[in-house]
Every structure is written in structure tokens, then in C-alpha cells.
Amino acid sequence: MAMNGLSKMAAAAATALILVLTIVPAAVAVTYTVGDAQQWASNVDYTVWVAGKTFRVGDILEFKYGPSHSVDVVDKAGYDGCDASSSTENHSDGDTKIDLKTVGIKYFICPTPGHCVSGMKLAVTVVAASSGPPATPTPTPTPPSSTPGTPTTPESPPAAGTPTTPKPDSGSTSPPPPKSSGASKEVMSYVLVGASMVLGYGLWM
């Protein structure tokens, strides 16, 4: 009977672990609408749209476009020469979602004649997935300001000819303790959820 209870607990633990592992990537993936409000269309500078964005494995590119456009996945030569003849994927459904599955530069063009050469092409650099949301930068502590011309008060009146020793600066502060990363907090919360599920399942059984 005890072995039966242990096997049920092990099964519950395995189920909880699988659930946690499937939730974590979804929590950090981002869906980008290509071109934002301008979408996938002619006369849009997609090099400007890409600037400042970080695309990671697991993110999704969503191409929204009208019936005169489509999306082809090409290599660098196809991108540079606006040539879709060696494309690996062709999409024309008007709302195409492409998962970024591997690290590297991914190339997309509109194969409609004249569209790619007028700028309707996109190159995105995909980097490895992060383990959690980016940690907020820790602000640099500012040194205490000292008012010029303020004399320091000695501990006790000095004897004649003895140099005065000023008090230590009471405004100095020790550096703040390091902040814990957001990623470790997020992983810990998932571990707690999984542990709670295992315990709840064990008590229910």
C-alpha cells in the first residue's frame, strides 16, 4: 500500500514538472506584429522597424497583409536579390505566424513582382531564448553631497599644537545589497506552484 502511494506521488511530481516546463517558455515568448500598425505592406522601411528589438528563440513573427502580398522565407541570396525561387516556405493567408525556432538570421520577402525591390523584405537576427525576463538595471548609488565650506566639528577641543581629527562622514552609506534577478524569482514561483500541486494531489489521494 505504501509503495502504491509512493508511485502515485511520483506520477504527480512528474506531471507537475511537465506542466511547469511547458508554462515557462510560453511566459517569456513574445509575438511581434511585423511593421506594427503599418503591418506587412509596401513602402515600409523594415530595417527601421527591426532596430532596437531583440528576437529570441520561441518568439513569433506575425505578418498581417492584404491579398496583393504574401510572405516567403528565403536565404540571404534570395533576400539580397529579391529572388523567391529557392524559398523554403510560402504563405498567403493574410495572417501568417512564423515561430522563430533556431538561432541565426532569418530572411523574409514579399514575392509579388516589384514589392521586394521597393523594400518589402525583412531580416531578423534571432538569439538564444532567455531564462526569464530581463533584470532591471541596478541604479548606481550616488555619493553623498558635501556642502563646501562647512567645517567639521572635532571630537573634543584639541590641545595646543595637536592636529584636529574630523568625525567620519555620517552621510556615507554602504553599497546596497545585490538585487536578486527576476529570472530566479520567476523560476522559484514555478517550483512553488509545482510543489503545491504535488502536495495537493498527494493529500487528495
N, C-alpha and C. Protein backbone atom coordinates (compact mmCIF):
# COMPACT_ATOMS: atom_id res chain seq x y z
N MET A 1 0.85 -1.21 0.00
CA MET A 1 0.00 0.00 0.00
C MET A 1 0.87 1.25 0.00
N ALA A 2 1.99 1.18 0.80
CA ALA A 2 2.88 2.33 0.85
C ALA A 2 3.54 2.56 -0.49
N MET A 3 3.91 1.47 -1.18
CA MET A 3 4.54 1.59 -2.49
C MET A 3 3.57 2.19 -3.49
N ASN A 4 2.29 1.81 -3.39
CA ASN A 4 1.28 2.36 -4.29
C ASN A 4 1.16 3.87 -4.10
N GLY A 5 1.17 4.33 -2.84
CA GLY A 5 1.11 5.76 -2.55
C GLY A 5 2.32 6.50 -3.07
N LEU A 6 3.51 5.86 -2.95
CA LEU A 6 4.73 6.48 -3.46
C LEU A 6 4.71 6.60 -4.97
N SER A 7 4.22 5.58 -5.66
CA SER A 7 4.18 5.65 -7.12
C SER A 7 3.20 6.72 -7.58
N LYS A 8 2.11 6.89 -6.85
CA LYS A 8 1.16 7.96 -7.20
C LYS A 8 1.79 9.33 -6.99
N MET A 9 2.56 9.46 -5.90
CA MET A 9 3.25 10.74 -5.64
C MET A 9 4.28 11.02 -6.74
N ALA A 10 5.00 9.99 -7.17
CA ALA A 10 5.99 10.17 -8.23
C ALA A 10 5.32 10.58 -9.53
N ALA A 11 4.18 9.96 -9.84
CA ALA A 11 3.44 10.32 -11.05
C ALA A 11 2.95 11.77 -10.98
N ALA A 12 2.48 12.15 -9.80
CA ALA A 12 2.01 13.53 -9.63
C ALA A 12 3.16 14.51 -9.78
N ALA A 13 4.34 14.16 -9.22
CA ALA A 13 5.51 15.03 -9.33
C ALA A 13 5.94 15.18 -10.79
N ALA A 14 5.92 14.08 -11.53
CA ALA A 14 6.30 14.13 -12.94
C ALA A 14 5.32 14.99 -13.73
N THR A 15 4.04 14.84 -13.45
CA THR A 15 3.02 15.65 -14.14
C THR A 15 3.22 17.14 -13.85
N ALA A 16 3.48 17.46 -12.59
CA ALA A 16 3.68 18.87 -12.21
C ALA A 16 4.92 19.43 -12.89
N LEU A 17 5.98 18.63 -12.97
CA LEU A 17 7.21 19.10 -13.61
C LEU A 17 6.99 19.38 -15.09
N ILE A 18 6.27 18.49 -15.76
CA ILE A 18 5.97 18.70 -17.19
C ILE A 18 5.14 19.97 -17.37
N LEU A 19 4.17 20.17 -16.50
CA LEU A 19 3.34 21.38 -16.58
C LEU A 19 4.17 22.64 -16.42
N VAL A 20 5.07 22.64 -15.44
CA VAL A 20 5.93 23.81 -15.20
C VAL A 20 6.82 24.06 -16.41
N LEU A 21 7.41 23.01 -16.97
CA LEU A 21 8.32 23.16 -18.11
C LEU A 21 7.60 23.64 -19.36
N THR A 22 6.32 23.35 -19.50
CA THR A 22 5.59 23.84 -20.66
C THR A 22 5.11 25.28 -20.46
N ILE A 23 4.90 25.68 -19.21
CA ILE A 23 4.44 27.05 -18.95
C ILE A 23 5.58 28.05 -19.07
N VAL A 24 6.79 27.69 -18.62
CA VAL A 24 7.89 28.66 -18.57
C VAL A 24 8.22 29.25 -19.93
N PRO A 25 8.42 28.47 -21.03
CA PRO A 25 8.73 29.11 -22.31
C PRO A 25 7.61 30.02 -22.80
N ALA A 26 6.34 29.61 -22.57
CA ALA A 26 5.23 30.43 -23.02
C ALA A 26 5.18 31.76 -22.30
N ALA A 27 5.67 31.78 -21.05
CA ALA A 27 5.61 33.01 -20.26
C ALA A 27 6.59 34.05 -20.77
N VAL A 28 7.66 33.63 -21.45
CA VAL A 28 8.66 34.59 -21.86
C VAL A 28 8.65 34.84 -23.37
N ALA A 29 7.87 34.07 -24.15
CA ALA A 29 7.82 34.27 -25.60
C ALA A 29 7.07 35.56 -25.93
N VAL A 30 7.49 36.21 -27.04
CA VAL A 30 6.87 37.47 -27.46
C VAL A 30 6.39 37.31 -28.91
N THR A 31 5.19 37.82 -29.19
CA THR A 31 4.68 37.84 -30.56
C THR A 31 4.85 39.26 -31.11
N TYR A 32 5.58 39.39 -32.22
CA TYR A 32 5.81 40.68 -32.86
C TYR A 32 4.95 40.77 -34.11
N THR A 33 4.13 41.82 -34.20
CA THR A 33 3.42 42.10 -35.44
C THR A 33 4.36 42.88 -36.35
N VAL A 34 4.76 42.26 -37.45
CA VAL A 34 5.75 42.86 -38.34
C VAL A 34 5.21 44.18 -38.89
N GLY A 35 6.00 45.25 -38.71
CA GLY A 35 5.60 46.58 -39.17
C GLY A 35 4.68 47.30 -38.21
N ASP A 36 4.31 46.67 -37.11
CA ASP A 36 3.36 47.24 -36.14
C ASP A 36 2.08 47.67 -36.84
N ALA A 37 1.68 48.93 -36.72
CA ALA A 37 0.42 49.39 -37.31
C ALA A 37 0.45 49.37 -38.84
N GLN A 38 1.64 49.51 -39.44
CA GLN A 38 1.74 49.51 -40.90
C GLN A 38 1.70 48.10 -41.48
N GLN A 39 1.95 47.12 -40.63
CA GLN A 39 1.88 45.71 -40.98
C GLN A 39 2.85 45.36 -42.11
N TRP A 40 2.58 44.27 -42.83
CA TRP A 40 3.42 43.80 -43.94
C TRP A 40 2.87 44.42 -45.21
N ALA A 41 3.50 45.50 -45.64
CA ALA A 41 2.96 46.28 -46.75
C ALA A 41 4.09 46.96 -47.52
N SER A 42 3.75 47.52 -48.64
CA SER A 42 4.73 48.25 -49.44
C SER A 42 5.05 49.59 -48.78
N ASN A 43 6.19 50.14 -49.16
CA ASN A 43 6.62 51.46 -48.69
C ASN A 43 6.82 51.55 -47.18
N VAL A 44 7.27 50.46 -46.57
CA VAL A 44 7.60 50.45 -45.14
C VAL A 44 9.08 50.08 -45.04
N ASP A 45 9.82 50.82 -44.22
CA ASP A 45 11.24 50.52 -44.03
C ASP A 45 11.37 49.55 -42.86
N TYR A 46 11.53 48.28 -43.18
CA TYR A 46 11.58 47.25 -42.13
C TYR A 46 12.92 47.23 -41.39
N THR A 47 13.95 47.86 -41.94
CA THR A 47 15.20 47.98 -41.18
C THR A 47 15.00 48.91 -39.99
N VAL A 48 14.16 49.91 -40.15
CA VAL A 48 13.83 50.81 -39.03
C VAL A 48 12.98 50.06 -38.01
N TRP A 49 12.03 49.26 -38.49
CA TRP A 49 11.15 48.52 -37.57
C TRP A 49 11.96 47.54 -36.72
N VAL A 50 12.95 46.88 -37.30
CA VAL A 50 13.75 45.89 -36.57
C VAL A 50 14.65 46.54 -35.53
N ALA A 51 15.10 47.77 -35.80
CA ALA A 51 16.09 48.43 -34.93
C ALA A 51 15.60 48.48 -33.48
N GLY A 52 16.47 48.07 -32.56
CA GLY A 52 16.16 48.14 -31.14
C GLY A 52 15.39 46.94 -30.59
N LYS A 53 15.00 46.01 -31.46
CA LYS A 53 14.27 44.83 -31.00
C LYS A 53 15.23 43.65 -30.85
N THR A 54 14.95 42.81 -29.86
CA THR A 54 15.72 41.58 -29.67
C THR A 54 14.77 40.41 -29.89
N PHE A 55 15.06 39.63 -30.92
CA PHE A 55 14.24 38.47 -31.25
C PHE A 55 14.92 37.23 -30.68
N ARG A 56 14.15 36.42 -29.95
CA ARG A 56 14.70 35.24 -29.29
C ARG A 56 14.02 33.97 -29.80
N VAL A 57 14.72 32.86 -29.66
CA VAL A 57 14.12 31.57 -29.99
C VAL A 57 12.85 31.41 -29.14
N GLY A 58 11.75 31.03 -29.79
CA GLY A 58 10.46 30.91 -29.10
C GLY A 58 9.54 32.07 -29.41
N ASP A 59 10.09 33.21 -29.85
CA ASP A 59 9.25 34.35 -30.23
C ASP A 59 8.53 34.04 -31.55
N ILE A 60 7.52 34.84 -31.85
CA ILE A 60 6.71 34.63 -33.05
C ILE A 60 6.65 35.92 -33.86
N LEU A 61 6.85 35.81 -35.17
CA LEU A 61 6.63 36.94 -36.08
C LEU A 61 5.25 36.76 -36.70
N GLU A 62 4.42 37.79 -36.57
CA GLU A 62 3.09 37.74 -37.19
C GLU A 62 3.04 38.72 -38.34
N PHE A 63 2.83 38.20 -39.53
CA PHE A 63 2.72 39.02 -40.74
C PHE A 63 1.24 39.19 -41.07
N LYS A 64 0.77 40.44 -41.08
CA LYS A 64 -0.61 40.74 -41.47
C LYS A 64 -0.56 41.53 -42.77
N TYR A 65 -1.32 41.09 -43.77
CA TYR A 65 -1.18 41.71 -45.10
C TYR A 65 -2.44 41.50 -45.93
N GLY A 66 -2.54 42.31 -46.98
CA GLY A 66 -3.67 42.25 -47.90
C GLY A 66 -3.46 41.21 -48.99
N PRO A 67 -4.48 41.05 -49.87
CA PRO A 67 -4.44 39.99 -50.88
C PRO A 67 -3.35 40.16 -51.95
N SER A 68 -2.81 41.34 -52.09
CA SER A 68 -1.77 41.53 -53.11
C SER A 68 -0.38 41.17 -52.60
N HIS A 69 -0.28 40.76 -51.33
CA HIS A 69 1.01 40.43 -50.74
C HIS A 69 1.04 38.97 -50.28
N SER A 70 2.23 38.49 -49.99
CA SER A 70 2.43 37.19 -49.36
C SER A 70 3.79 37.21 -48.67
N VAL A 71 4.15 36.11 -48.03
CA VAL A 71 5.41 36.04 -47.29
C VAL A 71 6.15 34.78 -47.72
N ASP A 72 7.40 34.94 -48.14
CA ASP A 72 8.25 33.80 -48.44
C ASP A 72 9.46 33.82 -47.52
N VAL A 73 9.82 32.65 -47.01
CA VAL A 73 11.04 32.51 -46.21
C VAL A 73 12.15 32.14 -47.18
N VAL A 74 13.21 32.95 -47.20
CA VAL A 74 14.30 32.74 -48.17
C VAL A 74 15.64 32.73 -47.45
N ASP A 75 16.70 32.45 -48.21
CA ASP A 75 18.06 32.54 -47.66
C ASP A 75 18.61 33.93 -47.94
N LYS A 76 19.87 34.17 -47.57
CA LYS A 76 20.47 35.50 -47.75
C LYS A 76 20.51 35.90 -49.22
N ALA A 77 20.84 34.95 -50.09
CA ALA A 77 20.90 35.27 -51.53
C ALA A 77 19.53 35.67 -52.05
N GLY A 78 18.49 34.96 -51.62
CA GLY A 78 17.13 35.31 -52.03
C GLY A 78 16.71 36.67 -51.49
N TYR A 79 17.15 36.97 -50.26
CA TYR A 79 16.85 38.27 -49.66
C TYR A 79 17.56 39.39 -50.42
N ASP A 80 18.87 39.21 -50.65
CA ASP A 80 19.64 40.26 -51.33
C ASP A 80 19.17 40.48 -52.76
N GLY A 81 18.84 39.38 -53.46
CA GLY A 81 18.45 39.51 -54.87
C GLY A 81 16.95 39.54 -55.10
N CYS A 82 16.17 39.58 -54.00
CA CYS A 82 14.69 39.55 -54.12
C CYS A 82 14.24 38.40 -55.02
N ASP A 83 14.78 37.22 -54.73
CA ASP A 83 14.51 36.03 -55.54
C ASP A 83 13.86 34.97 -54.66
N ALA A 84 12.59 34.65 -54.96
CA ALA A 84 11.85 33.68 -54.15
C ALA A 84 11.91 32.28 -54.73
N SER A 85 12.71 32.06 -55.77
CA SER A 85 12.72 30.75 -56.44
C SER A 85 13.22 29.63 -55.54
N SER A 86 14.06 29.96 -54.55
CA SER A 86 14.57 28.92 -53.65
C SER A 86 13.99 29.07 -52.24
N SER A 87 12.80 29.63 -52.14
CA SER A 87 12.19 29.84 -50.82
C SER A 87 11.88 28.50 -50.16
N THR A 88 11.95 28.48 -48.83
CA THR A 88 11.67 27.25 -48.08
C THR A 88 10.23 27.22 -47.56
N GLU A 89 9.59 28.36 -47.47
CA GLU A 89 8.19 28.43 -47.04
C GLU A 89 7.49 29.53 -47.85
N ASN A 90 6.20 29.29 -48.17
CA ASN A 90 5.39 30.28 -48.88
C ASN A 90 4.07 30.43 -48.13
N HIS A 91 3.71 31.66 -47.83
CA HIS A 91 2.46 31.92 -47.09
C HIS A 91 1.67 33.00 -47.79
N SER A 92 0.35 32.81 -47.86
CA SER A 92 -0.50 33.83 -48.49
C SER A 92 -1.87 33.90 -47.83
N ASP A 93 -1.95 33.57 -46.54
CA ASP A 93 -3.24 33.53 -45.84
C ASP A 93 -3.68 34.87 -45.26
N GLY A 94 -2.82 35.90 -45.35
CA GLY A 94 -3.20 37.23 -44.85
C GLY A 94 -2.85 37.46 -43.39
N ASP A 95 -2.64 36.39 -42.64
CA ASP A 95 -2.25 36.49 -41.22
C ASP A 95 -1.36 35.30 -40.90
N THR A 96 -0.07 35.47 -41.16
CA THR A 96 0.89 34.38 -41.05
C THR A 96 1.70 34.51 -39.77
N LYS A 97 1.73 33.45 -38.98
CA LYS A 97 2.55 33.43 -37.76
C LYS A 97 3.70 32.47 -37.99
N ILE A 98 4.92 32.97 -37.81
CA ILE A 98 6.11 32.16 -38.01
C ILE A 98 6.88 32.09 -36.70
N ASP A 99 7.05 30.85 -36.20
CA ASP A 99 7.81 30.62 -34.97
C ASP A 99 9.30 30.74 -35.26
N LEU A 100 10.00 31.47 -34.41
CA LEU A 100 11.45 31.56 -34.52
C LEU A 100 12.04 30.41 -33.70
N LYS A 101 12.49 29.37 -34.39
CA LYS A 101 12.88 28.14 -33.71
C LYS A 101 14.37 27.98 -33.50
N THR A 102 15.17 28.67 -34.30
CA THR A 102 16.62 28.48 -34.21
C THR A 102 17.34 29.83 -34.19
N VAL A 103 18.56 29.80 -33.68
CA VAL A 103 19.40 30.99 -33.63
C VAL A 103 19.95 31.28 -35.03
N GLY A 104 20.07 32.56 -35.36
CA GLY A 104 20.63 32.95 -36.66
C GLY A 104 19.82 34.06 -37.30
N ILE A 105 20.20 34.43 -38.53
CA ILE A 105 19.48 35.48 -39.26
C ILE A 105 18.42 34.82 -40.12
N LYS A 106 17.18 35.30 -40.02
CA LYS A 106 16.06 34.78 -40.79
C LYS A 106 15.64 35.84 -41.81
N TYR A 107 15.35 35.40 -43.03
CA TYR A 107 15.05 36.31 -44.13
C TYR A 107 13.66 36.06 -44.68
N PHE A 108 12.93 37.17 -44.93
CA PHE A 108 11.57 37.10 -45.45
C PHE A 108 11.42 38.15 -46.56
N ILE A 109 10.68 37.79 -47.60
CA ILE A 109 10.39 38.76 -48.67
C ILE A 109 8.94 38.61 -49.11
N CYS A 110 8.44 39.66 -49.78
CA CYS A 110 7.17 39.54 -50.48
C CYS A 110 7.53 39.21 -51.94
N PRO A 111 7.06 38.06 -52.44
CA PRO A 111 7.45 37.65 -53.79
C PRO A 111 6.68 38.33 -54.92
N THR A 112 5.68 39.14 -54.58
CA THR A 112 4.94 39.85 -55.63
C THR A 112 5.91 40.73 -56.41
N PRO A 113 5.91 40.66 -57.74
CA PRO A 113 6.88 41.43 -58.54
C PRO A 113 6.90 42.92 -58.16
N GLY A 114 8.10 43.41 -57.91
CA GLY A 114 8.30 44.82 -57.59
C GLY A 114 8.22 45.16 -56.11
N HIS A 115 7.62 44.31 -55.31
CA HIS A 115 7.43 44.64 -53.89
C HIS A 115 8.73 44.53 -53.09
N CYS A 116 9.45 43.44 -53.27
CA CYS A 116 10.70 43.26 -52.52
C CYS A 116 11.72 44.33 -52.89
N VAL A 117 11.86 44.61 -54.18
CA VAL A 117 12.87 45.60 -54.60
C VAL A 117 12.52 47.00 -54.09
N SER A 118 11.24 47.22 -53.77
CA SER A 118 10.86 48.51 -53.21
C SER A 118 10.93 48.52 -51.68
N GLY A 119 11.49 47.46 -51.10
CA GLY A 119 11.73 47.46 -49.65
C GLY A 119 10.91 46.49 -48.84
N MET A 120 10.05 45.71 -49.47
CA MET A 120 9.19 44.80 -48.71
C MET A 120 9.93 43.49 -48.44
N LYS A 121 10.94 43.60 -47.58
CA LYS A 121 11.73 42.44 -47.17
C LYS A 121 12.21 42.67 -45.74
N LEU A 122 12.46 41.57 -45.05
CA LEU A 122 12.76 41.65 -43.62
C LEU A 122 13.86 40.65 -43.27
N ALA A 123 14.84 41.12 -42.50
CA ALA A 123 15.88 40.24 -41.95
C ALA A 123 15.91 40.44 -40.44
N VAL A 124 15.77 39.36 -39.69
CA VAL A 124 15.82 39.45 -38.23
C VAL A 124 16.89 38.51 -37.70
N THR A 125 17.63 38.99 -36.71
CA THR A 125 18.64 38.17 -36.05
C THR A 125 18.02 37.57 -34.80
N VAL A 126 18.03 36.24 -34.72
CA VAL A 126 17.42 35.52 -33.61
C VAL A 126 18.52 35.04 -32.68
N VAL A 127 18.37 35.35 -31.40
CA VAL A 127 19.35 34.92 -30.39
C VAL A 127 18.71 33.86 -29.50
N ALA A 128 19.52 33.24 -28.65
CA ALA A 128 19.03 32.18 -27.76
C ALA A 128 17.96 32.71 -26.82
N ALA A 129 17.05 31.83 -26.45
CA ALA A 129 15.98 32.21 -25.53
C ALA A 129 16.56 32.55 -24.18
N SER A 130 15.95 33.53 -23.51
CA SER A 130 16.41 33.89 -22.16
C SER A 130 15.72 33.00 -21.16
N SER A 131 16.32 32.88 -19.96
CA SER A 131 15.72 32.06 -18.92
C SER A 131 14.64 32.78 -18.16
N GLY A 132 14.44 34.05 -18.44
CA GLY A 132 13.41 34.83 -17.75
C GLY A 132 13.41 36.24 -18.28
N PRO A 133 12.53 37.10 -17.75
CA PRO A 133 12.51 38.48 -18.20
C PRO A 133 13.80 39.18 -17.85
N PRO A 134 14.23 40.15 -18.68
CA PRO A 134 15.48 40.83 -18.38
C PRO A 134 15.41 41.54 -17.04
N ALA A 135 16.47 41.41 -16.26
CA ALA A 135 16.51 42.07 -14.95
C ALA A 135 16.64 43.57 -15.14
N THR A 136 15.96 44.31 -14.28
CA THR A 136 16.06 45.76 -14.38
C THR A 136 17.44 46.19 -13.91
N PRO A 137 18.04 47.15 -14.59
CA PRO A 137 19.38 47.56 -14.19
C PRO A 137 19.39 48.14 -12.78
N THR A 138 20.43 47.82 -12.02
CA THR A 138 20.56 48.35 -10.66
C THR A 138 21.10 49.77 -10.74
N PRO A 139 20.40 50.75 -10.13
CA PRO A 139 20.90 52.12 -10.19
C PRO A 139 22.21 52.26 -9.43
N THR A 140 23.08 53.08 -9.95
CA THR A 140 24.36 53.32 -9.29
C THR A 140 24.12 54.24 -8.11
N PRO A 141 24.59 53.85 -6.90
CA PRO A 141 24.37 54.74 -5.75
C PRO A 141 25.13 56.04 -5.92
N THR A 142 24.47 57.14 -5.61
CA THR A 142 25.13 58.44 -5.74
C THR A 142 25.86 58.76 -4.44
N PRO A 143 27.07 59.29 -4.55
CA PRO A 143 27.80 59.62 -3.33
C PRO A 143 27.11 60.77 -2.60
N PRO A 144 27.21 60.81 -1.28
CA PRO A 144 26.56 61.90 -0.54
C PRO A 144 27.20 63.23 -0.92
N SER A 145 26.34 64.23 -1.03
CA SER A 145 26.85 65.55 -1.40
C SER A 145 27.37 66.25 -0.16
N SER A 146 28.48 66.89 -0.32
CA SER A 146 29.03 67.64 0.81
C SER A 146 28.95 69.12 0.49
N THR A 147 28.56 69.88 1.47
CA THR A 147 28.45 71.32 1.26
C THR A 147 29.81 71.95 1.46
N PRO A 148 30.31 72.61 0.42
CA PRO A 148 31.63 73.23 0.57
C PRO A 148 31.61 74.31 1.63
N GLY A 149 32.69 74.38 2.36
CA GLY A 149 32.82 75.45 3.34
C GLY A 149 32.25 75.10 4.70
N THR A 150 31.66 73.90 4.86
CA THR A 150 31.11 73.53 6.16
C THR A 150 32.23 72.92 6.99
N PRO A 151 32.56 73.52 8.11
CA PRO A 151 33.68 72.99 8.91
C PRO A 151 33.25 71.72 9.63
N THR A 152 34.22 70.85 9.86
CA THR A 152 33.94 69.65 10.63
C THR A 152 34.17 69.96 12.10
N THR A 153 33.38 69.30 12.94
CA THR A 153 33.48 69.53 14.39
C THR A 153 34.39 68.48 14.98
N PRO A 154 35.44 68.87 15.68
CA PRO A 154 36.33 67.87 16.28
C PRO A 154 35.64 67.16 17.44
N GLU A 155 36.17 65.98 17.81
CA GLU A 155 35.60 65.20 18.91
C GLU A 155 35.66 65.98 20.22
N SER A 156 36.79 66.55 20.50
CA SER A 156 36.95 67.33 21.73
C SER A 156 37.91 68.47 21.42
N PRO A 157 37.91 69.48 22.22
CA PRO A 157 38.81 70.59 21.92
C PRO A 157 40.25 70.08 21.88
N PRO A 158 40.98 70.40 20.82
CA PRO A 158 42.35 69.89 20.71
C PRO A 158 43.30 70.64 21.63
N ALA A 159 44.31 69.90 22.00
CA ALA A 159 45.37 70.54 22.78
C ALA A 159 46.19 71.39 21.83
N ALA A 160 46.90 72.32 22.38
CA ALA A 160 47.68 73.22 21.54
C ALA A 160 48.70 72.42 20.74
N GLY A 161 48.74 72.69 19.44
CA GLY A 161 49.71 72.04 18.56
C GLY A 161 49.28 70.66 18.09
N THR A 162 48.13 70.17 18.56
CA THR A 162 47.66 68.85 18.11
C THR A 162 46.72 69.02 16.94
N PRO A 163 46.94 68.28 15.82
CA PRO A 163 46.03 68.43 14.67
C PRO A 163 44.65 67.87 15.01
N THR A 164 43.66 68.47 14.41
CA THR A 164 42.29 68.02 14.67
C THR A 164 41.98 66.80 13.80
N THR A 165 41.20 65.90 14.34
CA THR A 165 40.74 64.73 13.58
C THR A 165 39.25 64.89 13.34
N PRO A 166 38.86 65.06 12.08
CA PRO A 166 37.42 65.25 11.82
C PRO A 166 36.65 63.95 12.06
N LYS A 167 35.34 64.11 12.35
CA LYS A 167 34.47 62.95 12.51
C LYS A 167 34.32 62.23 11.17
N PRO A 168 34.09 60.93 11.22
CA PRO A 168 33.80 60.25 9.95
C PRO A 168 32.53 60.81 9.35
N ASP A 169 32.48 60.82 8.03
CA ASP A 169 31.31 61.38 7.32
C ASP A 169 30.09 60.51 7.62
N SER A 170 29.14 61.10 8.36
CA SER A 170 27.95 60.33 8.73
C SER A 170 27.03 60.10 7.55
N GLY A 171 27.25 60.84 6.45
CA GLY A 171 26.37 60.67 5.29
C GLY A 171 26.78 59.52 4.39
N SER A 172 27.96 58.88 4.69
CA SER A 172 28.37 57.80 3.79
C SER A 172 27.50 56.58 4.03
N THR A 173 27.24 55.87 2.97
CA THR A 173 26.40 54.68 3.06
C THR A 173 27.15 53.51 2.49
N SER A 174 26.84 52.33 3.01
CA SER A 174 27.43 51.12 2.43
C SER A 174 26.68 50.80 1.16
N PRO A 175 27.33 50.14 0.21
CA PRO A 175 26.64 49.84 -1.04
C PRO A 175 25.43 48.95 -0.79
N PRO A 176 24.36 49.14 -1.59
CA PRO A 176 23.15 48.34 -1.38
C PRO A 176 23.43 46.88 -1.67
N PRO A 177 22.69 45.97 -1.02
CA PRO A 177 22.87 44.55 -1.32
C PRO A 177 22.48 44.27 -2.75
N PRO A 178 23.11 43.28 -3.39
CA PRO A 178 22.76 43.00 -4.78
C PRO A 178 21.33 42.54 -4.90
N LYS A 179 20.66 42.99 -5.98
CA LYS A 179 19.28 42.62 -6.21
C LYS A 179 19.23 41.20 -6.76
N SER A 180 18.25 40.45 -6.32
CA SER A 180 18.10 39.12 -6.88
C SER A 180 17.50 39.26 -8.27
N SER A 181 17.91 38.39 -9.16
CA SER A 181 17.46 38.51 -10.54
C SER A 181 16.00 38.14 -10.66
N GLY A 182 15.31 38.77 -11.64
CA GLY A 182 13.91 38.45 -11.89
C GLY A 182 13.73 37.02 -12.34
N ALA A 183 14.75 36.48 -13.06
CA ALA A 183 14.64 35.12 -13.56
C ALA A 183 14.57 34.12 -12.42
N SER A 184 15.42 34.30 -11.37
CA SER A 184 15.42 33.34 -10.27
C SER A 184 14.10 33.42 -9.50
N LYS A 185 13.53 34.62 -9.34
CA LYS A 185 12.24 34.74 -8.67
C LYS A 185 11.15 34.01 -9.45
N GLU A 186 11.19 34.17 -10.80
CA GLU A 186 10.16 33.55 -11.63
C GLU A 186 10.26 32.03 -11.56
N VAL A 187 11.47 31.49 -11.66
CA VAL A 187 11.66 30.05 -11.59
C VAL A 187 11.22 29.53 -10.23
N MET A 188 11.55 30.27 -9.16
CA MET A 188 11.15 29.85 -7.82
C MET A 188 9.64 29.79 -7.69
N SER A 189 8.94 30.76 -8.30
CA SER A 189 7.47 30.75 -8.21
C SER A 189 6.91 29.53 -8.92
N TYR A 190 7.52 29.13 -10.06
CA TYR A 190 7.06 27.93 -10.75
C TYR A 190 7.33 26.68 -9.92
N VAL A 191 8.48 26.64 -9.26
CA VAL A 191 8.80 25.50 -8.40
C VAL A 191 7.78 25.39 -7.27
N LEU A 192 7.43 26.53 -6.67
CA LEU A 192 6.43 26.52 -5.59
C LEU A 192 5.07 26.05 -6.08
N VAL A 193 4.69 26.48 -7.28
CA VAL A 193 3.41 26.03 -7.85
C VAL A 193 3.43 24.53 -8.04
N GLY A 194 4.56 24.02 -8.61
CA GLY A 194 4.67 22.57 -8.83
C GLY A 194 4.62 21.80 -7.53
N ALA A 195 5.35 22.29 -6.51
CA ALA A 195 5.36 21.60 -5.21
C ALA A 195 3.97 21.61 -4.58
N SER A 196 3.25 22.72 -4.70
CA SER A 196 1.90 22.80 -4.15
C SER A 196 0.98 21.79 -4.83
N MET A 197 1.14 21.65 -6.16
CA MET A 197 0.30 20.70 -6.89
C MET A 197 0.59 19.28 -6.44
N VAL A 198 1.89 18.96 -6.26
CA VAL A 198 2.26 17.61 -5.82
C VAL A 198 1.67 17.32 -4.46
N LEU A 199 1.83 18.27 -3.51
CA LEU A 199 1.31 18.06 -2.16
C LEU A 199 -0.20 17.95 -2.15
N GLY A 200 -0.86 18.82 -2.93
CA GLY A 200 -2.31 18.77 -3.00
C GLY A 200 -2.81 17.46 -3.57
N TYR A 201 -2.11 16.97 -4.61
CA TYR A 201 -2.51 15.70 -5.22
C TYR A 201 -2.30 14.55 -4.23
N GLY A 202 -1.16 14.60 -3.49
CA GLY A 202 -0.89 13.54 -2.51
C GLY A 202 -1.93 13.51 -1.40
N LEU A 203 -2.34 14.69 -0.92
CA LEU A 203 -3.34 14.76 0.14
C LEU A 203 -4.71 14.30 -0.39
N TRP A 204 -4.99 14.63 -1.63
CA TRP A 204 -6.29 14.27 -2.22
C TRP A 204 -6.39 12.77 -2.38
N MET A 205 -5.23 12.13 -2.75
CA MET A 205 -5.21 10.69 -2.92
C MET A 205 -5.26 10.02 -1.55
